[in-house]
């Protein structure tokens, strides 16, 4: 099976964009909890933190 290899500039840019996407998720799901009139949802907060960490981990692995 042939392996697809991407060059370093592409991997760096993809890594950067994944971190930006993680930041957007953090703003929407984690910090957005404190700006809304609805009661605090621990499930949404934890889900947002997990998704952010997954995006950051993927970004780190891609940029190796």
PDB file of N, CA and C in Angstrom:
ATOM      1  N   UNK A   1       0.839  -1.168   0.000  1.00  0.00           N
ATOM      2  CA  UNK A   1       0.000   0.000   0.000  1.00  0.00           C
ATOM      3  C   UNK A   1       0.892   1.242   0.000  1.00  0.00           C
ATOM      4  N   UNK A   2       0.568   2.178  -0.871  1.00  0.00           N
ATOM      5  CA  UNK A   2       1.377   3.384  -1.004  1.00  0.00           C
ATOM      6  C   UNK A   2       1.021   4.395   0.086  1.00  0.00           C
ATOM      7  N   UNK A   3       2.040   4.972   0.688  1.00  0.00           N
ATOM      8  CA  UNK A   3       1.853   5.947   1.759  1.00  0.00           C
ATOM      9  C   UNK A   3       1.907   7.358   1.182  1.00  0.00           C
ATOM     10  N   UNK A   4       0.987   8.197   1.606  1.00  0.00           N
ATOM     11  CA  UNK A   4       0.974   9.588   1.160  1.00  0.00           C
ATOM     12  C   UNK A   4       1.887  10.388   2.081  1.00  0.00           C
ATOM     13  N   UNK A   5       2.825  11.128   1.503  1.00  0.00           N
ATOM     14  CA  UNK A   5       3.766  11.925   2.279  1.00  0.00           C
ATOM     15  C   UNK A   5       3.570  13.391   1.909  1.00  0.00           C
ATOM     16  N   UNK A   6       3.326  14.208   2.917  1.00  0.00           N
ATOM     17  CA  UNK A   6       3.161  15.639   2.703  1.00  0.00           C
ATOM     18  C   UNK A   6       4.434  16.363   3.104  1.00  0.00           C
ATOM     19  N   UNK A   7       4.716  17.439   2.420  1.00  0.00           N
ATOM     20  CA  UNK A   7       5.915  18.223   2.731  1.00  0.00           C
ATOM     21  C   UNK A   7       5.719  19.021   4.016  1.00  0.00           C
ATOM     22  N   UNK A   8       6.838  19.447   4.576  1.00  0.00           N
ATOM     23  CA  UNK A   8       6.841  20.151   5.862  1.00  0.00           C
ATOM     24  C   UNK A   8       5.996  21.432   5.852  1.00  0.00           C
ATOM     25  N   UNK A   9       6.059  22.285   4.814  1.00  0.00           N
ATOM     26  CA  UNK A   9       5.218  23.504   4.840  1.00  0.00           C
ATOM     27  C   UNK A   9       3.721  23.193   4.924  1.00  0.00           C
ATOM     28  N   UNK A  10       3.291  22.149   4.216  1.00  0.00           N
ATOM     29  CA  UNK A  10       1.880  21.772   4.259  1.00  0.00           C
ATOM     30  C   UNK A  10       1.499  21.271   5.646  1.00  0.00           C
ATOM     31  N   UNK A  11       2.347  20.435   6.229  1.00  0.00           N
ATOM     32  CA  UNK A  11       2.068  19.914   7.570  1.00  0.00           C
ATOM     33  C   UNK A  11       2.053  21.032   8.604  1.00  0.00           C
ATOM     34  N   UNK A  12       2.957  21.990   8.469  1.00  0.00           N
ATOM     35  CA  UNK A  12       2.991  23.112   9.413  1.00  0.00           C
ATOM     36  C   UNK A  12       1.726  23.956   9.314  1.00  0.00           C
ATOM     37  N   UNK A  13       1.294  24.220   8.097  1.00  0.00           N
ATOM     38  CA  UNK A  13       0.075  25.017   7.915  1.00  0.00           C
ATOM     39  C   UNK A  13      -1.151  24.262   8.425  1.00  0.00           C
ATOM     40  N   UNK A  14      -1.231  22.972   8.129  1.00  0.00           N
ATOM     41  CA  UNK A  14      -2.351  22.167   8.614  1.00  0.00           C
ATOM     42  C   UNK A  14      -2.365  22.128  10.141  1.00  0.00           C
ATOM     43  N   UNK A  15      -1.196  21.989  10.729  1.00  0.00           N
ATOM     44  CA  UNK A  15      -1.078  21.985  12.182  1.00  0.00           C
ATOM     45  C   UNK A  15      -1.560  23.308  12.776  1.00  0.00           C
ATOM     46  N   UNK A  16      -1.163  24.393  12.163  1.00  0.00           N
ATOM     47  CA  UNK A  16      -1.583  25.722  12.631  1.00  0.00           C
ATOM     48  C   UNK A  16      -3.097  25.884  12.546  1.00  0.00           C
ATOM     49  N   UNK A  17      -3.682  25.428  11.449  1.00  0.00           N
ATOM     50  CA  UNK A  17      -5.131  25.567  11.268  1.00  0.00           C
ATOM     51  C   UNK A  17      -5.903  24.681  12.240  1.00  0.00           C
ATOM     52  N   UNK A  18      -5.368  23.503  12.564  1.00  0.00           N
ATOM     53  CA  UNK A  18      -6.028  22.654  13.552  1.00  0.00           C
ATOM     54  C   UNK A  18      -6.012  23.307  14.931  1.00  0.00           C
ATOM     55  N   UNK A  19      -4.916  23.990  15.259  1.00  0.00           N
ATOM     56  CA  UNK A  19      -4.866  24.702  16.538  1.00  0.00           C
ATOM     57  C   UNK A  19      -5.872  25.852  16.552  1.00  0.00           C
ATOM     58  N   UNK A  20      -6.015  26.549  15.435  1.00  0.00           N
ATOM     59  CA  UNK A  20      -7.008  27.625  15.357  1.00  0.00           C
ATOM     60  C   UNK A  20      -8.421  27.067  15.510  1.00  0.00           C
ATOM     61  N   UNK A  21      -8.673  25.919  14.901  1.00  0.00           N
ATOM     62  CA  UNK A  21      -9.981  25.285  15.042  1.00  0.00           C
ATOM     63  C   UNK A  21     -10.225  24.873  16.494  1.00  0.00           C
ATOM     64  N   UNK A  22      -9.187  24.386  17.149  1.00  0.00           N
ATOM     65  CA  UNK A  22      -9.297  24.066  18.573  1.00  0.00           C
ATOM     66  C   UNK A  22      -9.615  25.293  19.403  1.00  0.00           C
ATOM     67  N   UNK A  23      -9.006  26.421  19.052  1.00  0.00           N
ATOM     68  CA  UNK A  23      -9.292  27.670  19.766  1.00  0.00           C
ATOM     69  C   UNK A  23     -10.749  28.093  19.578  1.00  0.00           C
ATOM     70  N   UNK A  24     -11.269  27.924  18.362  1.00  0.00           N
ATOM     71  CA  UNK A  24     -12.674  28.270  18.111  1.00  0.00           C
ATOM     72  C   UNK A  24     -13.615  27.380  18.920  1.00  0.00           C
ATOM     73  N   UNK A  25     -13.282  26.099  19.003  1.00  0.00           N
ATOM     74  CA  UNK A  25     -14.094  25.185  19.813  1.00  0.00           C
ATOM     75  C   UNK A  25     -14.053  25.609  21.277  1.00  0.00           C
ATOM     76  N   UNK A  26     -12.877  26.012  21.746  1.00  0.00           N
ATOM     77  CA  UNK A  26     -12.745  26.455  23.137  1.00  0.00           C
ATOM     78  C   UNK A  26     -13.612  27.679  23.392  1.00  0.00           C
ATOM     79  N   UNK A  27     -13.607  28.612  22.465  1.00  0.00           N
ATOM     80  CA  UNK A  27     -14.421  29.818  22.630  1.00  0.00           C
ATOM     81  C   UNK A  27     -15.905  29.466  22.636  1.00  0.00           C
ATOM     82  N   UNK A  28     -16.311  28.612  21.702  1.00  0.00           N
ATOM     83  CA  UNK A  28     -17.729  28.301  21.559  1.00  0.00           C
ATOM     84  C   UNK A  28     -18.260  27.431  22.697  1.00  0.00           C
ATOM     85  N   UNK A  29     -17.564  26.360  23.025  1.00  0.00           N
ATOM     86  CA  UNK A  29     -18.112  25.397  23.977  1.00  0.00           C
ATOM     87  C   UNK A  29     -17.663  25.612  25.416  1.00  0.00           C
ATOM     88  N   UNK A  30     -16.447  26.078  25.614  1.00  0.00           N
ATOM     89  CA  UNK A  30     -15.928  26.208  26.975  1.00  0.00           C
ATOM     90  C   UNK A  30     -16.244  27.590  27.531  1.00  0.00           C
ATOM     91  N   UNK A  31     -15.750  28.641  26.874  1.00  0.00           N
ATOM     92  CA  UNK A  31     -15.952  29.992  27.392  1.00  0.00           C
ATOM     93  C   UNK A  31     -17.365  30.496  27.142  1.00  0.00           C
ATOM     94  N   UNK A  32     -18.021  29.981  26.116  1.00  0.00           N
ATOM     95  CA  UNK A  32     -19.391  30.372  25.826  1.00  0.00           C
ATOM     96  C   UNK A  32     -20.364  29.980  26.924  1.00  0.00           C
ATOM     97  N   UNK A  33     -19.995  28.992  27.719  1.00  0.00           N
ATOM     98  CA  UNK A  33     -20.833  28.565  28.841  1.00  0.00           C
ATOM     99  C   UNK A  33     -21.069  29.708  29.830  1.00  0.00           C
ATOM    100  N   UNK A  34     -20.081  30.561  29.975  1.00  0.00           N
ATOM    101  CA  UNK A  34     -20.163  31.620  30.977  1.00  0.00           C
ATOM    102  C   UNK A  34     -20.855  32.878  30.449  1.00  0.00           C
ATOM    103  N   UNK A  35     -21.115  32.939  29.154  1.00  0.00           N
ATOM    104  CA  UNK A  35     -21.731  34.123  28.564  1.00  0.00           C
ATOM    105  C   UNK A  35     -23.231  33.962  28.343  1.00  0.00           C
ATOM    106  N   UNK A  36     -23.731  32.761  28.487  1.00  0.00           N
ATOM    107  CA  UNK A  36     -25.123  32.482  28.185  1.00  0.00           C
ATOM    108  C   UNK A  36     -25.962  32.543  29.461  1.00  0.00           C
ATOM    109  N   UNK A  37     -27.259  32.774  29.288  1.00  0.00           N
ATOM    110  CA  UNK A  37     -28.171  32.842  30.428  1.00  0.00           C
ATOM    111  C   UNK A  37     -28.590  31.455  30.916  1.00  0.00           C
ATOM    112  N   UNK A  38     -28.331  30.435  30.115  1.00  0.00           N
ATOM    113  CA  UNK A  38     -28.689  29.074  30.512  1.00  0.00           C
ATOM    114  C   UNK A  38     -27.782  28.589  31.641  1.00  0.00           C
ATOM    115  N   UNK A  39     -28.250  27.598  32.396  1.00  0.00           N
ATOM    116  CA  UNK A  39     -27.398  27.068  33.472  1.00  0.00           C
ATOM    117  C   UNK A  39     -26.162  26.368  32.905  1.00  0.00           C
ATOM    118  N   UNK A  40     -25.121  26.339  33.714  1.00  0.00           N
ATOM    119  CA  UNK A  40     -23.854  25.729  33.319  1.00  0.00           C
ATOM    120  C   UNK A  40     -24.051  24.237  33.063  1.00  0.00           C
ATOM    121  N   UNK A  41     -23.540  23.748  31.934  1.00  0.00           N
ATOM    122  CA  UNK A  41     -23.629  22.335  31.585  1.00  0.00           C
ATOM    123  C   UNK A  41     -22.237  21.719  31.652  1.00  0.00           C
ATOM    124  N   UNK A  42     -22.051  20.848  32.609  1.00  0.00           N
ATOM    125  CA  UNK A  42     -20.757  20.196  32.778  1.00  0.00           C
ATOM    126  C   UNK A  42     -20.434  19.292  31.593  1.00  0.00           C
ATOM    127  N   UNK A  43     -21.442  18.657  30.999  1.00  0.00           N
ATOM    128  CA  UNK A  43     -21.219  17.779  29.850  1.00  0.00           C
ATOM    129  C   UNK A  43     -20.674  18.557  28.656  1.00  0.00           C
ATOM    130  N   UNK A  44     -21.247  19.703  28.364  1.00  0.00           N
ATOM    131  CA  UNK A  44     -20.771  20.520  27.248  1.00  0.00           C
ATOM    132  C   UNK A  44     -19.378  21.049  27.541  1.00  0.00           C
ATOM    133  N   UNK A  45     -19.138  21.459  28.770  1.00  0.00           N
ATOM    134  CA  UNK A  45     -17.827  21.971  29.161  1.00  0.00           C
ATOM    135  C   UNK A  45     -16.752  20.896  28.995  1.00  0.00           C
ATOM    136  N   UNK A  46     -16.997  19.707  29.531  1.00  0.00           N
ATOM    137  CA  UNK A  46     -16.017  18.620  29.425  1.00  0.00           C
ATOM    138  C   UNK A  46     -15.854  18.188  27.973  1.00  0.00           C
ATOM    139  N   UNK A  47     -16.951  18.106  27.231  1.00  0.00           N
ATOM    140  CA  UNK A  47     -16.865  17.765  25.809  1.00  0.00           C
ATOM    141  C   UNK A  47     -16.025  18.767  25.039  1.00  0.00           C
ATOM    142  N   UNK A  48     -16.202  20.047  25.329  1.00  0.00           N
ATOM    143  CA  UNK A  48     -15.409  21.081  24.672  1.00  0.00           C
ATOM    144  C   UNK A  48     -13.935  20.968  25.000  1.00  0.00           C
ATOM    145  N   UNK A  49     -13.623  20.708  26.263  1.00  0.00           N
ATOM    146  CA  UNK A  49     -12.221  20.563  26.668  1.00  0.00           C
ATOM    147  C   UNK A  49     -11.591  19.355  25.980  1.00  0.00           C
ATOM    148  N   UNK A  50     -12.328  18.248  25.910  1.00  0.00           N
ATOM    149  CA  UNK A  50     -11.803  17.039  25.257  1.00  0.00           C
ATOM    150  C   UNK A  50     -11.557  17.292  23.772  1.00  0.00           C
ATOM    151  N   UNK A  51     -12.489  17.953  23.101  1.00  0.00           N
ATOM    152  CA  UNK A  51     -12.320  18.237  21.673  1.00  0.00           C
ATOM    153  C   UNK A  51     -11.129  19.160  21.445  1.00  0.00           C
ATOM    154  N   UNK A  52     -10.980  20.172  22.284  1.00  0.00           N
ATOM    155  CA  UNK A  52      -9.837  21.085  22.165  1.00  0.00           C
ATOM    156  C   UNK A  52      -8.531  20.320  22.331  1.00  0.00           C
ATOM    157  N   UNK A  53      -8.462  19.463  23.333  1.00  0.00           N
ATOM    158  CA  UNK A  53      -7.243  18.684  23.553  1.00  0.00           C
ATOM    159  C   UNK A  53      -6.952  17.745  22.386  1.00  0.00           C
ATOM    160  N   UNK A  54      -7.991  17.166  21.790  1.00  0.00           N
ATOM    161  CA  UNK A  54      -7.790  16.302  20.624  1.00  0.00           C
ATOM    162  C   UNK A  54      -7.248  17.088  19.434  1.00  0.00           C
ATOM    163  N   UNK A  55      -7.782  18.283  19.197  1.00  0.00           N
ATOM    164  CA  UNK A  55      -7.266  19.113  18.108  1.00  0.00           C
ATOM    165  C   UNK A  55      -5.816  19.505  18.359  1.00  0.00           C
ATOM    166  N   UNK A  56      -5.491  19.868  19.593  1.00  0.00           N
ATOM    167  CA  UNK A  56      -4.112  20.241  19.919  1.00  0.00           C
ATOM    168  C   UNK A  56      -3.173  19.049  19.773  1.00  0.00           C
ATOM    169  N   UNK A  57      -3.614  17.869  20.206  1.00  0.00           N
ATOM    170  CA  UNK A  57      -2.791  16.666  20.073  1.00  0.00           C
ATOM    171  C   UNK A  57      -2.569  16.322  18.604  1.00  0.00           C
ATOM    172  N   UNK A  58      -3.625  16.390  17.800  1.00  0.00           N
ATOM    173  CA  UNK A  58      -3.485  16.121  16.368  1.00  0.00           C
ATOM    174  C   UNK A  58      -2.539  17.124  15.725  1.00  0.00           C
ATOM    175  N   UNK A  59      -2.636  18.375  16.127  1.00  0.00           N
ATOM    176  CA  UNK A  59      -1.748  19.408  15.597  1.00  0.00           C
ATOM    177  C   UNK A  59      -0.298  19.104  15.934  1.00  0.00           C
ATOM    178  N   UNK A  60      -0.058  18.686  17.167  1.00  0.00           N
ATOM    179  CA  UNK A  60       1.304  18.363  17.596  1.00  0.00           C
ATOM    180  C   UNK A  60       1.852  17.160  16.824  1.00  0.00           C
ATOM    181  N   UNK A  61       1.036  16.124  16.663  1.00  0.00           N
ATOM    182  CA  UNK A  61       1.487  14.915  15.966  1.00  0.00           C
ATOM    183  C   UNK A  61       1.758  15.201  14.497  1.00  0.00           C
ATOM    184  N   UNK A  62       0.917  15.988  13.855  1.00  0.00           N
ATOM    185  CA  UNK A  62       1.100  16.302  12.433  1.00  0.00           C
ATOM    186  C   UNK A  62       2.365  17.108  12.210  1.00  0.00           C
ATOM    187  N   UNK A  63       2.701  17.966  13.157  1.00  0.00           N
ATOM    188  CA  UNK A  63       3.850  18.861  12.969  1.00  0.00           C
ATOM    189  C   UNK A  63       5.188  18.209  13.323  1.00  0.00           C
ATOM    190  N   UNK A  64       5.193  16.956  13.765  1.00  0.00           N
ATOM    191  CA  UNK A  64       6.459  16.278  14.088  1.00  0.00           C
ATOM    192  C   UNK A  64       7.334  16.087  12.872  1.00  0.00           C
TER     193      UNK A  64
END
